[in-house]
Amino acid sequence: MYSGTNPSAIRSQKWIRDSLLQLLEEKPYKKISIKEISDKSDLARQTFYQLFDSKEEIIEYHLDSLFQEYLLEVQNLEVATTVELARIYFVFFQNNGEFINQLIQNDLIHILNQKFFFYLGEIHTVLHHTLNITEYASAFISSGLVGILVYWFKQNRQMPIDQLAVLISDILSPFPNSKGESGGVAAFACNVAAEEAKKRS
């Protein structure tokens, strides 16, 4: 995937992304060809392959943009309790609900899972947390949160976000809660992973 700073290339990447998102409203992901995306973007196939290696990379590119927006919202939190982090997580993806539904319908949630796993470390950095989260714990946390997000969407988002945020806080507490305490299933996973690392060293 192109990651340079050329304005023309960046603009073309956005056109390609927008074209794929529009096509996803019309047909399944598997039936969309690179040619269709290029034609809708008014770009040559050669240009497409200079910017992306595959359709999946376009999804990754869009998720990168979304997670950058999400990181800004996390950064602006006055008090980063687990409840508040969970609340803005579900509010953010509810606001991008059409795209999430497209990922679910086209069996592309694994890409969201991969991206969440990648950005979890950056979320910790933004929050200035010193808790040592291993890769195993990060995989556990990211898969759990994405899984709950998908289930929530499949249930037509019936549970209110504030109630859902409290539920998440009760079962997933890698970050300090309002009392400055950490615990829950995620913290347990962190401890188990740390113990396993000690045994191997």
C-alpha atoms as a PDB file:
ATOM      1  CA  MET A   1       0.000   0.000   0.000  1.00  0.00           C
ATOM      2  CA  TYR A   2       1.261   3.451  -0.901  1.00  0.00           C
ATOM      3  CA  SER A   3       2.223   5.450   2.205  1.00  0.00           C
ATOM      4  CA  GLY A   4       3.997   8.460   0.713  1.00  0.00           C
ATOM      5  CA  THR A   5       3.080  12.136   0.775  1.00  0.00           C
ATOM      6  CA  ASN A   6       2.415  12.852  -2.902  1.00  0.00           C
ATOM      7  CA  PRO A   7      -0.875  14.851  -2.965  1.00  0.00           C
ATOM      8  CA  SER A   8      -2.003  13.333  -6.262  1.00  0.00           C
ATOM      9  CA  ALA A   9      -1.426   9.778  -5.011  1.00  0.00           C
ATOM     10  CA  ILE A  10      -3.214  10.478  -1.723  1.00  0.00           C
ATOM     11  CA  ARG A  11      -6.165  11.965  -3.606  1.00  0.00           C
ATOM     12  CA  SER A  12      -6.303   8.902  -5.873  1.00  0.00           C
ATOM     13  CA  GLN A  13      -6.254   6.587  -2.855  1.00  0.00           C
ATOM     14  CA  LYS A  14      -9.305   8.394  -1.466  1.00  0.00           C
ATOM     15  CA  TRP A  15     -11.103   8.112  -4.811  1.00  0.00           C
ATOM     16  CA  ILE A  16     -10.401   4.380  -4.899  1.00  0.00           C
ATOM     17  CA  ARG A  17     -11.588   3.978  -1.297  1.00  0.00           C
ATOM     18  CA  ASP A  18     -14.778   5.928  -1.993  1.00  0.00           C
ATOM     19  CA  SER A  19     -15.431   3.897  -5.134  1.00  0.00           C
ATOM     20  CA  LEU A  20     -15.148   0.582  -3.301  1.00  0.00           C
ATOM     21  CA  LEU A  21     -17.463   1.786  -0.532  1.00  0.00           C
ATOM     22  CA  GLN A  22     -20.023   2.854  -3.125  1.00  0.00           C
ATOM     23  CA  LEU A  23     -19.769  -0.470  -4.933  1.00  0.00           C
ATOM     24  CA  LEU A  24     -20.265  -2.331  -1.644  1.00  0.00           C
ATOM     25  CA  GLU A  25     -23.697  -0.726  -1.451  1.00  0.00           C
ATOM     26  CA  GLU A  26     -24.548  -2.337  -4.794  1.00  0.00           C
ATOM     27  CA  LYS A  27     -23.017  -5.819  -4.704  1.00  0.00           C
ATOM     28  CA  PRO A  28     -21.045  -8.279  -2.524  1.00  0.00           C
ATOM     29  CA  TYR A  29     -17.340  -7.659  -1.980  1.00  0.00           C
ATOM     30  CA  LYS A  30     -16.336 -10.902  -3.718  1.00  0.00           C
ATOM     31  CA  LYS A  31     -18.118  -9.844  -6.909  1.00  0.00           C
ATOM     32  CA  ILE A  32     -16.361  -6.469  -7.140  1.00  0.00           C
ATOM     33  CA  SER A  33     -13.402  -6.469  -9.523  1.00  0.00           C
ATOM     34  CA  ILE A  34     -10.336  -4.248  -9.568  1.00  0.00           C
ATOM     35  CA  LYS A  35     -11.448  -3.079 -13.001  1.00  0.00           C
ATOM     36  CA  GLU A  36     -14.807  -1.926 -11.630  1.00  0.00           C
ATOM     37  CA  ILE A  37     -13.109   0.003  -8.843  1.00  0.00           C
ATOM     38  CA  SER A  38     -10.629   1.594 -11.263  1.00  0.00           C
ATOM     39  CA  ASP A  39     -13.364   2.533 -13.736  1.00  0.00           C
ATOM     40  CA  LYS A  40     -15.531   4.062 -11.026  1.00  0.00           C
ATOM     41  CA  SER A  41     -12.510   6.026  -9.787  1.00  0.00           C
ATOM     42  CA  ASP A  42     -11.670   7.193 -13.349  1.00  0.00           C
ATOM     43  CA  LEU A  43      -8.193   5.767 -12.856  1.00  0.00           C
ATOM     44  CA  ALA A  44      -6.137   3.249 -14.808  1.00  0.00           C
ATOM     45  CA  ARG A  45      -5.572  -0.239 -13.376  1.00  0.00           C
ATOM     46  CA  GLN A  46      -1.857   0.573 -13.390  1.00  0.00           C
ATOM     47  CA  THR A  47      -2.546   3.496 -11.058  1.00  0.00           C
ATOM     48  CA  PHE A  48      -4.563   1.227  -8.772  1.00  0.00           C
ATOM     49  CA  TYR A  49      -1.662  -1.205  -8.410  1.00  0.00           C
ATOM     50  CA  GLN A  50       0.740   1.629  -7.718  1.00  0.00           C
ATOM     51  CA  LEU A  51      -1.361   2.504  -4.674  1.00  0.00           C
ATOM     52  CA  PHE A  52      -2.841  -0.802  -3.488  1.00  0.00           C
ATOM     53  CA  ASP A  53      -1.913  -4.446  -3.890  1.00  0.00           C
ATOM     54  CA  SER A  54      -5.449  -5.754  -3.415  1.00  0.00           C
ATOM     55  CA  LYS A  55      -9.048  -4.918  -2.553  1.00  0.00           C
ATOM     56  CA  GLU A  56      -8.348  -5.913   1.042  1.00  0.00           C
ATOM     57  CA  GLU A  57      -5.745  -3.170   1.305  1.00  0.00           C
ATOM     58  CA  ILE A  58      -8.445  -0.614   0.480  1.00  0.00           C
ATOM     59  CA  ILE A  59     -10.438  -1.862   3.481  1.00  0.00           C
ATOM     60  CA  GLU A  60      -7.285  -1.615   5.593  1.00  0.00           C
ATOM     61  CA  TYR A  61      -6.684   1.913   4.317  1.00  0.00           C
ATOM     62  CA  HIS A  62     -10.203   2.977   5.307  1.00  0.00           C
ATOM     63  CA  LEU A  63      -9.885   1.350   8.730  1.00  0.00           C
ATOM     64  CA  ASP A  64      -6.583   3.167   9.269  1.00  0.00           C
ATOM     65  CA  SER A  65      -8.414   6.449   8.638  1.00  0.00           C
ATOM     66  CA  LEU A  66     -11.187   5.490  11.052  1.00  0.00           C
ATOM     67  CA  PHE A  67      -8.788   4.446  13.786  1.00  0.00           C
ATOM     68  CA  GLN A  68      -6.880   7.725  13.458  1.00  0.00           C
ATOM     69  CA  GLU A  69     -10.177   9.526  14.087  1.00  0.00           C
ATOM     70  CA  TYR A  70     -10.880   7.210  17.016  1.00  0.00           C
ATOM     71  CA  LEU A  71      -7.446   7.886  18.533  1.00  0.00           C
ATOM     72  CA  LEU A  72      -8.177  11.613  18.450  1.00  0.00           C
ATOM     73  CA  GLU A  73     -11.400  11.033  20.374  1.00  0.00           C
ATOM     74  CA  VAL A  74      -9.550   8.895  22.929  1.00  0.00           C
ATOM     75  CA  GLN A  75      -6.876  11.573  23.235  1.00  0.00           C
ATOM     76  CA  ASN A  76      -9.517  14.194  24.016  1.00  0.00           C
ATOM     77  CA  LEU A  77     -10.963  12.229  26.929  1.00  0.00           C
ATOM     78  CA  GLU A  78     -10.751  14.112  30.212  1.00  0.00           C
ATOM     79  CA  VAL A  79     -11.040  10.953  32.322  1.00  0.00           C
ATOM     80  CA  ALA A  80     -10.175   7.692  30.545  1.00  0.00           C
ATOM     81  CA  THR A  81     -12.145   5.218  32.640  1.00  0.00           C
ATOM     82  CA  THR A  82     -12.954   1.815  31.179  1.00  0.00           C
ATOM     83  CA  VAL A  83     -16.630   2.783  30.966  1.00  0.00           C
ATOM     84  CA  GLU A  84     -15.881   5.953  29.020  1.00  0.00           C
ATOM     85  CA  LEU A  85     -13.448   4.180  26.684  1.00  0.00           C
ATOM     86  CA  ALA A  86     -16.077   1.525  25.972  1.00  0.00           C
ATOM     87  CA  ARG A  87     -18.750   4.164  25.445  1.00  0.00           C
ATOM     88  CA  ILE A  88     -16.817   6.125  22.821  1.00  0.00           C
ATOM     89  CA  TYR A  89     -15.796   2.835  21.157  1.00  0.00           C
ATOM     90  CA  PHE A  90     -19.425   1.877  20.556  1.00  0.00           C
ATOM     91  CA  VAL A  91     -20.547   5.422  19.727  1.00  0.00           C
ATOM     92  CA  PHE A  92     -17.760   5.746  17.173  1.00  0.00           C
ATOM     93  CA  PHE A  93     -18.536   2.503  15.374  1.00  0.00           C
ATOM     94  CA  GLN A  94     -22.271   3.133  15.578  1.00  0.00           C
ATOM     95  CA  ASN A  95     -21.602   6.369  13.689  1.00  0.00           C
ATOM     96  CA  ASN A  96     -19.821   4.251  11.078  1.00  0.00           C
ATOM     97  CA  GLY A  97     -22.480   1.580  11.244  1.00  0.00           C
ATOM     98  CA  GLU A  98     -23.058   1.200   7.514  1.00  0.00           C
ATOM     99  CA  PHE A  99     -19.415   0.269   6.967  1.00  0.00           C
ATOM    100  CA  ILE A 100     -19.399  -2.148   9.919  1.00  0.00           C
ATOM    101  CA  ASN A 101     -22.506  -3.853   8.534  1.00  0.00           C
ATOM    102  CA  GLN A 102     -20.751  -4.184   5.176  1.00  0.00           C
ATOM    103  CA  LEU A 103     -17.781  -5.847   6.878  1.00  0.00           C
ATOM    104  CA  ILE A 104     -20.114  -8.266   8.667  1.00  0.00           C
ATOM    105  CA  GLN A 105     -22.153  -9.084   5.563  1.00  0.00           C
ATOM    106  CA  ASN A 106     -19.029  -9.689   3.472  1.00  0.00           C
ATOM    107  CA  ASP A 107     -17.093 -11.749   6.078  1.00  0.00           C
ATOM    108  CA  LEU A 108     -14.416  -9.071   6.422  1.00  0.00           C
ATOM    109  CA  ILE A 109     -14.480  -8.635  10.197  1.00  0.00           C
ATOM    110  CA  HIS A 110     -11.069 -10.321  10.449  1.00  0.00           C
ATOM    111  CA  ILE A 111      -9.567  -7.143   8.954  1.00  0.00           C
ATOM    112  CA  LEU A 112     -11.166  -5.012  11.680  1.00  0.00           C
ATOM    113  CA  ASN A 113      -9.851  -7.460  14.260  1.00  0.00           C
ATOM    114  CA  GLN A 114      -6.320  -7.205  12.877  1.00  0.00           C
ATOM    115  CA  LYS A 115      -6.464  -3.411  12.863  1.00  0.00           C
ATOM    116  CA  PHE A 116      -7.832  -3.202  16.383  1.00  0.00           C
ATOM    117  CA  PHE A 117      -5.033  -5.491  17.570  1.00  0.00           C
ATOM    118  CA  PHE A 118      -2.511  -3.181  15.873  1.00  0.00           C
ATOM    119  CA  TYR A 119      -3.974   0.043  17.249  1.00  0.00           C
ATOM    120  CA  LEU A 120      -4.499  -1.205  20.797  1.00  0.00           C
ATOM    121  CA  GLY A 121      -0.860  -0.394  21.555  1.00  0.00           C
ATOM    122  CA  GLU A 122      -1.321   3.130  20.199  1.00  0.00           C
ATOM    123  CA  ILE A 123      -4.400   3.597  22.373  1.00  0.00           C
ATOM    124  CA  HIS A 124      -2.273   2.729  25.400  1.00  0.00           C
ATOM    125  CA  THR A 125       0.371   5.213  24.258  1.00  0.00           C
ATOM    126  CA  VAL A 126      -2.182   7.992  23.775  1.00  0.00           C
ATOM    127  CA  LEU A 127      -3.551   7.348  27.268  1.00  0.00           C
ATOM    128  CA  HIS A 128      -0.014   7.241  28.742  1.00  0.00           C
ATOM    129  CA  HIS A 129      -0.764   3.920  30.409  1.00  0.00           C
ATOM    130  CA  THR A 130       2.221   2.027  31.786  1.00  0.00           C
ATOM    131  CA  LEU A 131       0.419  -1.324  32.117  1.00  0.00           C
ATOM    132  CA  ASN A 132       2.435  -3.949  30.277  1.00  0.00           C
ATOM    133  CA  ILE A 133       0.071  -5.616  27.822  1.00  0.00           C
ATOM    134  CA  THR A 134       1.500  -8.689  26.107  1.00  0.00           C
ATOM    135  CA  GLU A 135       0.615  -9.666  22.553  1.00  0.00           C
ATOM    136  CA  TYR A 136      -1.501 -12.524  23.901  1.00  0.00           C
ATOM    137  CA  ALA A 137      -3.502 -10.158  26.085  1.00  0.00           C
ATOM    138  CA  SER A 138      -3.845  -7.679  23.206  1.00  0.00           C
ATOM    139  CA  ALA A 139      -5.182 -10.461  20.973  1.00  0.00           C
ATOM    140  CA  PHE A 140      -7.650 -11.430  23.697  1.00  0.00           C
ATOM    141  CA  ILE A 141      -8.853  -7.853  24.237  1.00  0.00           C
ATOM    142  CA  SER A 142      -9.130  -6.907  20.557  1.00  0.00           C
ATOM    143  CA  SER A 143     -10.928 -10.125  19.583  1.00  0.00           C
ATOM    144  CA  GLY A 144     -13.315  -9.753  22.514  1.00  0.00           C
ATOM    145  CA  LEU A 145     -14.232  -6.150  21.765  1.00  0.00           C
ATOM    146  CA  VAL A 146     -14.671  -6.780  18.050  1.00  0.00           C
ATOM    147  CA  GLY A 147     -16.725  -9.896  18.803  1.00  0.00           C
ATOM    148  CA  ILE A 148     -19.054  -7.955  21.098  1.00  0.00           C
ATOM    149  CA  LEU A 149     -19.327  -5.177  18.515  1.00  0.00           C
ATOM    150  CA  VAL A 150     -20.359  -7.687  15.840  1.00  0.00           C
ATOM    151  CA  TYR A 151     -22.860  -9.384  18.158  1.00  0.00           C
ATOM    152  CA  TRP A 152     -24.327  -5.980  19.080  1.00  0.00           C
ATOM    153  CA  PHE A 153     -24.781  -5.136  15.401  1.00  0.00           C
ATOM    154  CA  LYS A 154     -26.351  -8.516  14.668  1.00  0.00           C
ATOM    155  CA  GLN A 155     -28.801  -7.842  17.505  1.00  0.00           C
ATOM    156  CA  ASN A 156     -29.713  -4.562  15.761  1.00  0.00           C
ATOM    157  CA  ARG A 157     -27.895  -2.596  18.481  1.00  0.00           C
ATOM    158  CA  GLN A 158     -30.776  -3.115  20.900  1.00  0.00           C
ATOM    159  CA  MET A 159     -28.741  -2.665  24.087  1.00  0.00           C
ATOM    160  CA  PRO A 160     -28.234   1.032  24.942  1.00  0.00           C
ATOM    161  CA  ILE A 161     -24.617   2.141  24.617  1.00  0.00           C
ATOM    162  CA  ASP A 162     -24.345   3.351  28.235  1.00  0.00           C
ATOM    163  CA  GLN A 163     -25.540  -0.022  29.488  1.00  0.00           C
ATOM    164  CA  LEU A 164     -23.207  -1.817  27.106  1.00  0.00           C
ATOM    165  CA  ALA A 165     -20.266   0.313  28.256  1.00  0.00           C
ATOM    166  CA  VAL A 166     -20.869  -0.652  31.895  1.00  0.00           C
ATOM    167  CA  LEU A 167     -21.110  -4.317  30.885  1.00  0.00           C
ATOM    168  CA  ILE A 168     -17.775  -4.084  29.073  1.00  0.00           C
ATOM    169  CA  SER A 169     -16.213  -2.377  32.072  1.00  0.00           C
ATOM    170  CA  ASP A 170     -17.331  -5.265  34.285  1.00  0.00           C
ATOM    171  CA  ILE A 171     -15.763  -7.957  32.107  1.00  0.00           C
ATOM    172  CA  LEU A 172     -12.882  -6.129  30.440  1.00  0.00           C
ATOM    173  CA  SER A 173     -10.730  -3.926  32.631  1.00  0.00           C
ATOM    174  CA  PRO A 174      -7.142  -3.631  31.323  1.00  0.00           C
ATOM    175  CA  PHE A 175      -7.337   0.114  32.060  1.00  0.00           C
ATOM    176  CA  PRO A 176      -7.981   1.750  35.459  1.00  0.00           C
ATOM    177  CA  ASN A 177     -11.620   2.157  36.410  1.00  0.00           C
ATOM    178  CA  SER A 178     -13.074   5.240  38.121  1.00  0.00           C
ATOM    179  CA  LYS A 179     -11.459   4.129  41.398  1.00  0.00           C
ATOM    180  CA  GLY A 180      -8.047   3.692  39.806  1.00  0.00           C
ATOM    181  CA  GLU A 181      -8.302  -0.091  40.051  1.00  0.00           C
ATOM    182  CA  SER A 182      -7.597  -2.611  37.315  1.00  0.00           C
ATOM    183  CA  GLY A 183      -8.981  -6.102  37.089  1.00  0.00           C
ATOM    184  CA  GLY A 184     -11.523  -8.177  35.222  1.00  0.00           C
ATOM    185  CA  VAL A 185     -11.080 -10.850  32.593  1.00  0.00           C
ATOM    186  CA  ALA A 186      -8.588  -8.850  30.524  1.00  0.00           C
ATOM    187  CA  ALA A 187      -6.320  -8.193  33.483  1.00  0.00           C
ATOM    188  CA  PHE A 188      -6.503 -11.912  34.283  1.00  0.00           C
ATOM    189  CA  ALA A 189      -5.389 -12.650  30.720  1.00  0.00           C
ATOM    190  CA  CYS A 190      -2.489 -10.229  31.117  1.00  0.00           C
ATOM    191  CA  ASN A 191      -1.383 -12.003  34.311  1.00  0.00           C
ATOM    192  CA  VAL A 192      -1.625 -15.440  32.724  1.00  0.00           C
ATOM    193  CA  ALA A 193       0.395 -14.307  29.710  1.00  0.00           C
ATOM    194  CA  ALA A 194       3.012 -12.766  31.997  1.00  0.00           C
ATOM    195  CA  GLU A 195       3.311 -16.013  33.953  1.00  0.00           C
ATOM    196  CA  GLU A 196       3.719 -17.988  30.737  1.00  0.00           C
ATOM    197  CA  ALA A 197       6.467 -15.596  29.636  1.00  0.00           C
ATOM    198  CA  LYS A 198       8.288 -16.117  32.942  1.00  0.00           C
ATOM    199  CA  LYS A 199       8.147 -19.901  32.502  1.00  0.00           C
ATOM    200  CA  ARG A 200       9.716 -19.650  29.034  1.00  0.00           C
ATOM    201  CA  SER A 201      12.517 -17.319  30.171  1.00  0.00           C
END
